[in-house]
C-alpha cells in the first residue's frame, strides 16, 4: 500500500507480552516508515523507557500479566515529559477504552486480524504524533511569548524608572529657579509647575514598582500624591491637611496622569485661595467607582468664591489644564460652591 501514514523518523515503543504480535507489528509498521522497538510487558517497557526516554510514542496492550496496561499507562504518565500513549486492547468493550482515555491515553485501537489492524495502528500513530507536535509547537510559541513579554515588561519598567528620574531632575531645576527669583508671581508659577511635574513623577514611580505596567493603582497613587501636596503647601503657621478616601480601582497610565494633574491643580487652588495665610485648612479627595465609571471629588471648607476673590487670582493656567485633562478623560468638571468649593468629575474607567 502507499506509504501515506508514516510520521517521519518516529520511534515507537510497543509493549505487549505476545512476542509474535510484536514481530508482526515491527514488520508491518516498519514498511510504513516507523521504527518499532518491542517490550515483553509493562515492567520491561518501563525499563526501556528508563534506558532510552527519547521514544516519540508508546503503544501499550491492555491484557498483560503482572503489570497490566492501565497500570503501565499510569506509570508512564507519571514521568516528566512523558511520551503520548496509544492504548491497544483485544477487547471491544467501551469501558476499557473509556478507562484508558481517562487515565491519559491519547488514543486507543482494538486488535483485529489482518492488515486492517496495522492500518488502524499506523493511522492512530500518525494522528497522535501530529497532535503532539502541534502541542509542542504551541508550548514553544507560548514560552517565546512569555519571554518576550517579560523582556518588554523589564524594558518598560526601566523606561518608567528613567522617566521618573529625569522628571525629578527637571523638578529640581524648577525648584532651584524658584529660589533664585525675587518675584512672588514667578515663584508661585514655578511652584505650580513643580507640582504638575510631581503628579506625573508619582505615576511613573508606581509603574516601575508595580507588576502591572499598564495601569495604576489609584488609591495608592492618590495617597502618595496627597502626602506630597500636603508637605508642599503646609507651613508651620498654616497646616494643610489633605485627606484621601479612594475606592480600590486602577486606571490606564495616561488616564491616571490626567487625574493626577487635575488633583494637583485643584488641591493647589484650595490651598492658595480657600484659606488665609495663617489659617489651617483641610482639602478632601474622594474617588468612587461602580466598576464601569469613577467619580472624583475634591472639596474644601473655605469661604467659597467671595473669599477666593479676596485673596487674588492666578494666571488661569490651572483652569485651562483642568479642562484639558478632563477633556482627555471624556468629561467636564462640575463645580459647587455653596460651602467652600467642590469640584466633581465623572468618567469611564
Protein backbone atom coordinates (compact mmCIF):
# COMPACT_ATOMS: atom_id res chain seq x y z
CA UNK A 1 0.00 0.00 0.00
CA UNK A 2 1.20 3.61 -0.49
CA UNK A 3 3.16 4.96 2.41
CA UNK A 4 0.73 7.76 3.29
CA UNK A 5 0.55 7.20 7.04
CA UNK A 6 4.16 7.44 8.16
CA UNK A 7 5.34 10.09 10.57
CA UNK A 8 8.98 10.95 9.70
CA UNK A 9 11.65 9.20 11.82
CA UNK A 10 9.18 8.24 14.57
CA UNK A 11 10.42 5.70 17.14
CA UNK A 12 7.65 3.68 18.78
CA UNK A 13 7.89 1.51 21.89
CA UNK A 14 5.36 -1.33 21.52
CA UNK A 15 4.59 -3.02 24.87
CA UNK A 16 2.86 -6.39 24.52
CA UNK A 17 3.57 -9.80 26.07
CA UNK A 18 2.83 -11.55 22.73
CA UNK A 19 6.21 -11.88 21.02
CA UNK A 20 4.63 -12.97 17.73
CA UNK A 21 2.41 -9.86 17.61
CA UNK A 22 5.35 -7.64 18.46
CA UNK A 23 7.26 -9.02 15.48
CA UNK A 24 4.29 -8.63 13.15
CA UNK A 25 3.84 -5.02 14.25
CA UNK A 26 7.56 -4.35 13.82
CA UNK A 27 7.48 -5.61 10.23
CA UNK A 28 4.14 -4.12 9.20
CA UNK A 29 4.77 -0.71 10.73
CA UNK A 30 8.38 -0.73 9.58
CA UNK A 31 7.12 -0.94 5.97
CA UNK A 32 5.06 2.15 6.74
CA UNK A 33 8.08 4.13 7.90
CA UNK A 34 8.05 3.60 11.68
CA UNK A 35 10.84 2.23 13.84
CA UNK A 36 9.24 -0.22 16.27
CA UNK A 37 11.02 -1.37 19.44
CA UNK A 38 9.28 -4.17 21.34
CA UNK A 39 8.96 -4.81 25.05
CA UNK A 40 7.53 -8.03 26.53
CA UNK A 41 5.45 -6.50 29.30
CA UNK A 42 4.83 -3.44 31.46
CA UNK A 43 7.94 -3.72 33.60
CA UNK A 44 10.19 -4.34 30.60
CA UNK A 45 8.62 -1.40 28.79
CA UNK A 46 9.19 0.92 31.75
CA UNK A 47 12.79 -0.27 31.97
CA UNK A 48 13.32 0.51 28.28
CA UNK A 49 11.92 3.99 28.85
CA UNK A 50 14.36 4.42 31.74
CA UNK A 51 17.25 3.50 29.45
CA UNK A 52 16.00 5.47 26.46
CA UNK A 53 13.44 8.23 27.14
CA UNK A 54 13.60 9.51 23.55
CA UNK A 55 10.71 7.40 22.17
CA UNK A 56 8.20 9.54 20.27
CA UNK A 57 5.25 7.36 21.25
CA UNK A 58 4.40 4.28 23.32
CA UNK A 59 1.78 1.67 22.43
CA UNK A 60 0.54 -0.40 25.40
CA UNK A 61 -1.52 -3.59 25.34
CA UNK A 62 -4.36 -3.91 27.84
CA UNK A 63 -4.14 -7.58 28.83
CA UNK A 64 -0.69 -8.36 30.19
CA UNK A 65 0.39 -10.50 33.15
CA UNK A 66 1.99 -8.76 36.09
CA UNK A 67 1.69 -5.07 35.33
CA UNK A 68 -1.40 -4.67 33.13
CA UNK A 69 -1.98 -1.97 30.53
CA UNK A 70 -3.74 0.54 32.78
CA UNK A 71 -1.06 0.26 35.47
CA UNK A 72 1.67 0.63 32.85
CA UNK A 73 -0.11 3.64 31.36
CA UNK A 74 -0.36 5.25 34.79
CA UNK A 75 3.37 4.73 35.43
CA UNK A 76 4.25 6.23 32.05
CA UNK A 77 2.02 9.29 32.58
CA UNK A 78 3.73 9.98 35.92
CA UNK A 79 7.04 10.60 34.14
CA UNK A 80 8.18 14.14 33.33
CA UNK A 81 7.91 14.77 29.58
CA UNK A 82 6.01 11.50 29.16
CA UNK A 83 5.53 10.46 25.51
CA UNK A 84 1.95 10.11 24.22
CA UNK A 85 0.41 6.66 24.66
CA UNK A 86 -1.81 4.70 22.28
CA UNK A 87 -3.76 2.01 24.12
CA UNK A 88 -4.14 -1.32 22.33
CA UNK A 89 -6.78 -3.78 23.51
CA UNK A 90 -8.18 -7.09 22.37
CA UNK A 91 -11.49 -6.18 23.94
CA UNK A 92 -14.10 -4.07 22.18
CA UNK A 93 -15.69 -3.20 25.50
CA UNK A 94 -16.18 0.53 25.65
CA UNK A 95 -15.38 0.59 29.38
CA UNK A 96 -11.76 -0.38 28.64
CA UNK A 97 -11.36 2.43 26.11
CA UNK A 98 -13.01 4.95 28.45
CA UNK A 99 -10.77 3.89 31.34
CA UNK A 100 -7.66 4.21 29.16
CA UNK A 101 -8.61 7.66 27.86
CA UNK A 102 -9.44 8.84 31.37
CA UNK A 103 -6.04 7.60 32.52
CA UNK A 104 -4.32 9.75 29.89
CA UNK A 105 -4.10 7.67 26.72
CA UNK A 106 -4.03 9.81 23.57
CA UNK A 107 -5.96 7.19 21.54
CA UNK A 108 -6.91 3.53 21.54
CA UNK A 109 -7.02 0.78 18.90
CA UNK A 110 -8.89 -2.51 19.11
CA UNK A 111 -6.89 -5.57 18.00
CA UNK A 112 -8.16 -7.41 14.97
CA UNK A 113 -6.87 -9.99 12.49
CA UNK A 114 -5.48 -8.87 9.16
CA UNK A 115 -3.91 -5.77 7.67
CA UNK A 116 -6.79 -3.56 8.82
CA UNK A 117 -5.37 -3.64 12.34
CA UNK A 118 -1.94 -2.46 11.18
CA UNK A 119 -3.53 0.25 9.04
CA UNK A 120 -5.55 1.48 12.04
CA UNK A 121 -2.48 1.31 14.26
CA UNK A 122 -0.39 3.32 11.78
CA UNK A 123 -3.15 5.87 11.31
CA UNK A 124 -3.53 6.27 15.10
CA UNK A 125 0.23 6.72 15.49
CA UNK A 126 0.28 9.40 12.83
CA UNK A 127 -2.65 11.33 14.29
CA UNK A 128 -1.32 11.17 17.85
CA UNK A 129 2.16 12.26 16.76
CA UNK A 130 0.69 15.12 14.73
CA UNK A 131 -1.28 16.32 17.76
CA UNK A 132 1.78 16.02 20.00
CA UNK A 133 3.80 18.07 17.52
CA UNK A 134 1.12 20.77 17.48
CA UNK A 135 1.08 20.85 21.29
CA UNK A 136 4.88 21.16 21.39
CA UNK A 137 4.80 23.94 18.82
CA UNK A 138 2.10 25.75 20.81
CA UNK A 139 4.05 25.35 24.06
CA UNK A 140 7.23 26.62 22.41
CA UNK A 141 5.38 29.61 20.96
CA UNK A 142 3.82 30.39 24.34
CA UNK A 143 7.22 30.13 26.01
CA UNK A 144 8.69 32.55 23.48
CA UNK A 145 5.78 34.91 24.05
CA UNK A 146 6.30 34.76 27.82
CA UNK A 147 10.00 35.52 27.43
CA UNK A 148 9.19 38.38 25.04
CA UNK A 149 6.53 39.71 27.41
CA UNK A 150 8.88 39.55 30.40
CA UNK A 151 11.58 41.33 28.41
CA UNK A 152 9.10 44.02 27.35
CA UNK A 153 7.92 44.46 30.94
CA UNK A 154 11.51 44.86 32.11
CA UNK A 155 12.19 47.43 29.39
CA UNK A 156 9.02 49.37 30.20
CA UNK A 157 9.82 49.35 33.91
CA UNK A 158 13.30 50.63 33.15
CA UNK A 159 11.80 53.30 30.87
CA UNK A 160 9.40 54.41 33.63
CA UNK A 161 12.28 54.48 36.10
CA UNK A 162 14.33 56.68 33.79
CA UNK A 163 11.38 58.96 33.02
CA UNK A 164 10.68 59.42 36.74
CA UNK A 165 14.34 60.19 37.43
CA UNK A 166 14.54 62.63 34.52
CA UNK A 167 11.38 64.41 35.63
CA UNK A 168 12.75 64.59 39.19
CA UNK A 169 15.83 66.35 37.81
CA UNK A 170 13.62 68.79 35.89
CA UNK A 171 11.59 69.38 39.08
CA UNK A 172 14.80 70.12 40.98
CA UNK A 173 15.83 72.63 38.31
CA UNK A 174 12.42 74.34 38.62
CA UNK A 175 12.79 74.49 42.41
CA UNK A 176 16.28 75.99 42.08
CA UNK A 177 14.96 78.55 39.61
CA UNK A 178 12.16 79.49 42.02
CA UNK A 179 14.73 80.04 44.73
CA UNK A 180 16.69 82.42 42.53
CA UNK A 181 13.86 84.84 41.79
CA UNK A 182 12.55 87.67 43.97
CA UNK A 183 9.29 87.94 42.05
CA UNK A 184 6.43 86.41 44.06
CA UNK A 185 4.29 85.69 40.99
CA UNK A 186 7.18 83.94 39.27
CA UNK A 187 7.87 81.84 42.37
CA UNK A 188 4.21 80.87 42.56
CA UNK A 189 4.11 79.90 38.88
CA UNK A 190 7.27 77.83 39.24
CA UNK A 191 5.88 76.10 42.32
CA UNK A 192 2.72 75.23 40.38
CA UNK A 193 4.85 73.83 37.58
CA UNK A 194 6.75 71.74 40.10
CA UNK A 195 3.51 70.28 41.43
CA UNK A 196 2.39 69.35 37.91
CA UNK A 197 5.66 67.59 37.28
CA UNK A 198 5.38 65.86 40.67
CA UNK A 199 1.97 64.45 39.77
CA UNK A 200 3.44 62.81 36.68
CA UNK A 201 6.53 61.56 38.54
CA UNK A 202 4.30 59.71 41.01
CA UNK A 203 2.63 57.81 38.15
CA UNK A 204 5.92 56.62 36.69
CA UNK A 205 7.28 55.66 40.09
CA UNK A 206 4.28 53.40 40.61
CA UNK A 207 4.63 51.87 37.18
CA UNK A 208 8.20 50.74 37.65
CA UNK A 209 7.46 49.38 41.14
CA UNK A 210 4.32 47.50 40.10
CA UNK A 211 3.87 44.14 38.39
CA UNK A 212 1.12 45.75 36.30
CA UNK A 213 2.91 48.09 33.92
CA UNK A 214 -0.19 49.20 32.05
CA UNK A 215 -2.38 50.54 34.84
CA UNK A 216 -2.00 52.49 38.08
CA UNK A 217 -3.47 51.65 41.50
CA UNK A 218 -5.36 54.89 42.07
CA UNK A 219 -5.79 54.54 45.84
CA UNK A 220 -2.04 54.11 46.29
CA UNK A 221 -1.29 56.88 43.78
CA UNK A 222 -3.65 59.46 45.29
CA UNK A 223 -2.41 58.73 48.82
CA UNK A 224 1.19 59.37 47.76
CA UNK A 225 0.26 62.45 45.74
CA UNK A 226 -1.75 63.85 48.66
CA UNK A 227 1.19 63.35 51.04
CA UNK A 228 3.47 65.21 48.64
CA UNK A 229 0.97 68.06 48.19
CA UNK A 230 0.39 68.33 51.93
CA UNK A 231 4.12 68.66 52.57
CA UNK A 232 4.43 71.30 49.87
CA UNK A 233 1.52 73.52 50.87
CA UNK A 234 1.79 73.31 54.66
CA UNK A 235 3.77 75.82 56.69
CA UNK A 236 4.48 75.99 60.43
CA UNK A 237 1.65 78.51 60.83
CA UNK A 238 -0.89 77.08 58.36
CA UNK A 239 -1.13 73.32 58.07
CA UNK A 240 -2.89 71.98 55.02
CA UNK A 241 -4.40 68.56 55.75
CA UNK A 242 -5.04 66.60 52.52
CA UNK A 243 -7.42 63.69 53.16
CA UNK A 244 -7.96 60.84 50.69
CA UNK A 245 -10.88 58.42 50.52
CA UNK A 246 -10.40 56.29 47.41
CA UNK A 247 -12.13 53.06 46.43
CA UNK A 248 -9.81 50.39 45.02
CA UNK A 249 -9.58 50.69 41.23
CA UNK A 250 -6.97 51.02 38.51
CA UNK A 251 -6.65 53.36 35.55
CA UNK A 252 -4.58 53.22 32.40
CA UNK A 253 -1.38 55.24 32.64
CA UNK A 254 -2.47 58.21 30.52
CA UNK A 255 -5.80 58.50 32.39
CA UNK A 256 -4.02 58.29 35.75
CA UNK A 257 -1.75 61.16 34.67
CA UNK A 258 -4.81 63.24 33.75
CA UNK A 259 -6.41 62.55 37.16
CA UNK A 260 -3.14 63.36 38.93
CA UNK A 261 -2.73 66.71 37.21
CA UNK A 262 -6.36 67.61 37.95
CA UNK A 263 -5.96 66.71 41.62
CA UNK A 264 -2.70 68.65 41.91
CA UNK A 265 -4.32 71.74 40.38
CA UNK A 266 -7.49 71.57 42.49
CA UNK A 267 -5.61 70.93 45.72
CA UNK A 268 -3.19 73.74 44.89
CA UNK A 269 -6.07 76.13 44.24
CA UNK A 270 -7.74 75.16 47.53
CA UNK A 271 -4.53 75.58 49.49
CA UNK A 272 -3.90 79.02 47.95
CA UNK A 273 -7.37 80.53 47.85
CA UNK A 274 -9.69 78.68 50.25
CA UNK A 275 -7.78 79.51 53.42
CA UNK A 276 -5.84 82.50 54.66
CA UNK A 277 -2.02 82.57 55.00
CA UNK A 278 -2.22 81.94 58.76
CA UNK A 279 -5.24 79.66 58.63
CA UNK A 280 -5.17 75.85 58.86
CA UNK A 281 -7.42 74.03 56.43
CA UNK A 282 -8.48 70.67 55.06
CA UNK A 283 -8.85 69.51 51.45
CA UNK A 284 -10.63 66.22 50.77
CA UNK A 285 -10.06 63.97 47.77
CA UNK A 286 -12.64 61.26 47.17
CA UNK A 287 -12.81 58.70 44.38
CA UNK A 288 -15.69 56.24 43.97
CA UNK A 289 -16.42 53.64 41.33
CA UNK A 290 -19.27 51.37 40.26
CA UNK A 291 -16.99 49.08 38.24
CA UNK A 292 -17.50 50.86 34.92
CA UNK A 293 -17.15 54.54 35.84
CA UNK A 294 -15.43 56.54 38.54
CA UNK A 295 -16.29 59.84 40.23
CA UNK A 296 -13.55 62.13 41.51
CA UNK A 297 -14.39 64.85 44.05
CA UNK A 298 -12.06 67.49 45.50
CA UNK A 299 -13.53 69.85 48.08
CA UNK A 300 -12.51 72.32 50.78
CA UNK A 301 -14.19 74.15 53.67
CA UNK A 302 -13.11 77.63 52.67
CA UNK A 303 -15.21 80.70 52.18
CA UNK A 304 -16.16 79.95 48.57
CA UNK A 305 -15.91 82.40 45.66
CA UNK A 306 -16.04 85.55 47.79
CA UNK A 307 -13.13 84.51 49.98
CA UNK A 308 -11.15 83.31 46.98
CA UNK A 309 -11.70 86.60 45.16
CA UNK A 310 -10.36 88.46 48.15
CA UNK A 311 -7.10 86.51 48.00
CA UNK A 312 -6.32 87.34 44.39
CA UNK A 313 -6.38 85.18 41.32
CA UNK A 314 -3.87 83.26 39.27
CA UNK A 315 -2.95 83.30 35.61
CA UNK A 316 -5.76 80.97 34.59
CA UNK A 317 -3.29 78.28 33.51
CA UNK A 318 -4.54 75.89 36.19
CA UNK A 319 -8.14 76.15 34.99
CA UNK A 320 -7.05 75.54 31.42
CA UNK A 321 -5.10 72.45 32.49
CA UNK A 322 -8.05 71.09 34.47
CA UNK A 323 -10.37 71.48 31.48
CA UNK A 324 -7.81 69.94 29.13
CA UNK A 325 -7.21 66.94 31.41
CA UNK A 326 -10.96 66.50 31.97
CA UNK A 327 -11.47 66.58 28.20
CA UNK A 328 -8.83 63.81 27.87
CA UNK A 329 -10.92 61.76 30.30
CA UNK A 330 -14.04 62.42 28.23
CA UNK A 331 -15.78 64.55 30.83
CA UNK A 332 -16.28 68.08 32.14
CA UNK A 333 -15.68 69.36 35.69
CA UNK A 334 -18.76 70.22 37.71
CA UNK A 335 -18.41 72.94 40.41
CA UNK A 336 -20.46 73.52 43.55
CA UNK A 337 -19.68 76.46 45.85
CA UNK A 338 -22.41 76.59 48.48
CA UNK A 339 -19.90 75.80 51.22
CA UNK A 340 -16.32 76.10 50.08
CA UNK A 341 -15.50 74.70 46.67
CA UNK A 342 -16.45 71.23 45.49
CA UNK A 343 -15.32 70.04 42.06
CA UNK A 344 -16.55 66.74 40.63
CA UNK A 345 -15.67 64.70 37.56
CA UNK A 346 -17.44 61.59 36.34
CA UNK A 347 -15.67 59.42 33.72
CA UNK A 348 -15.35 55.86 32.44
CA UNK A 349 -12.67 53.67 33.92
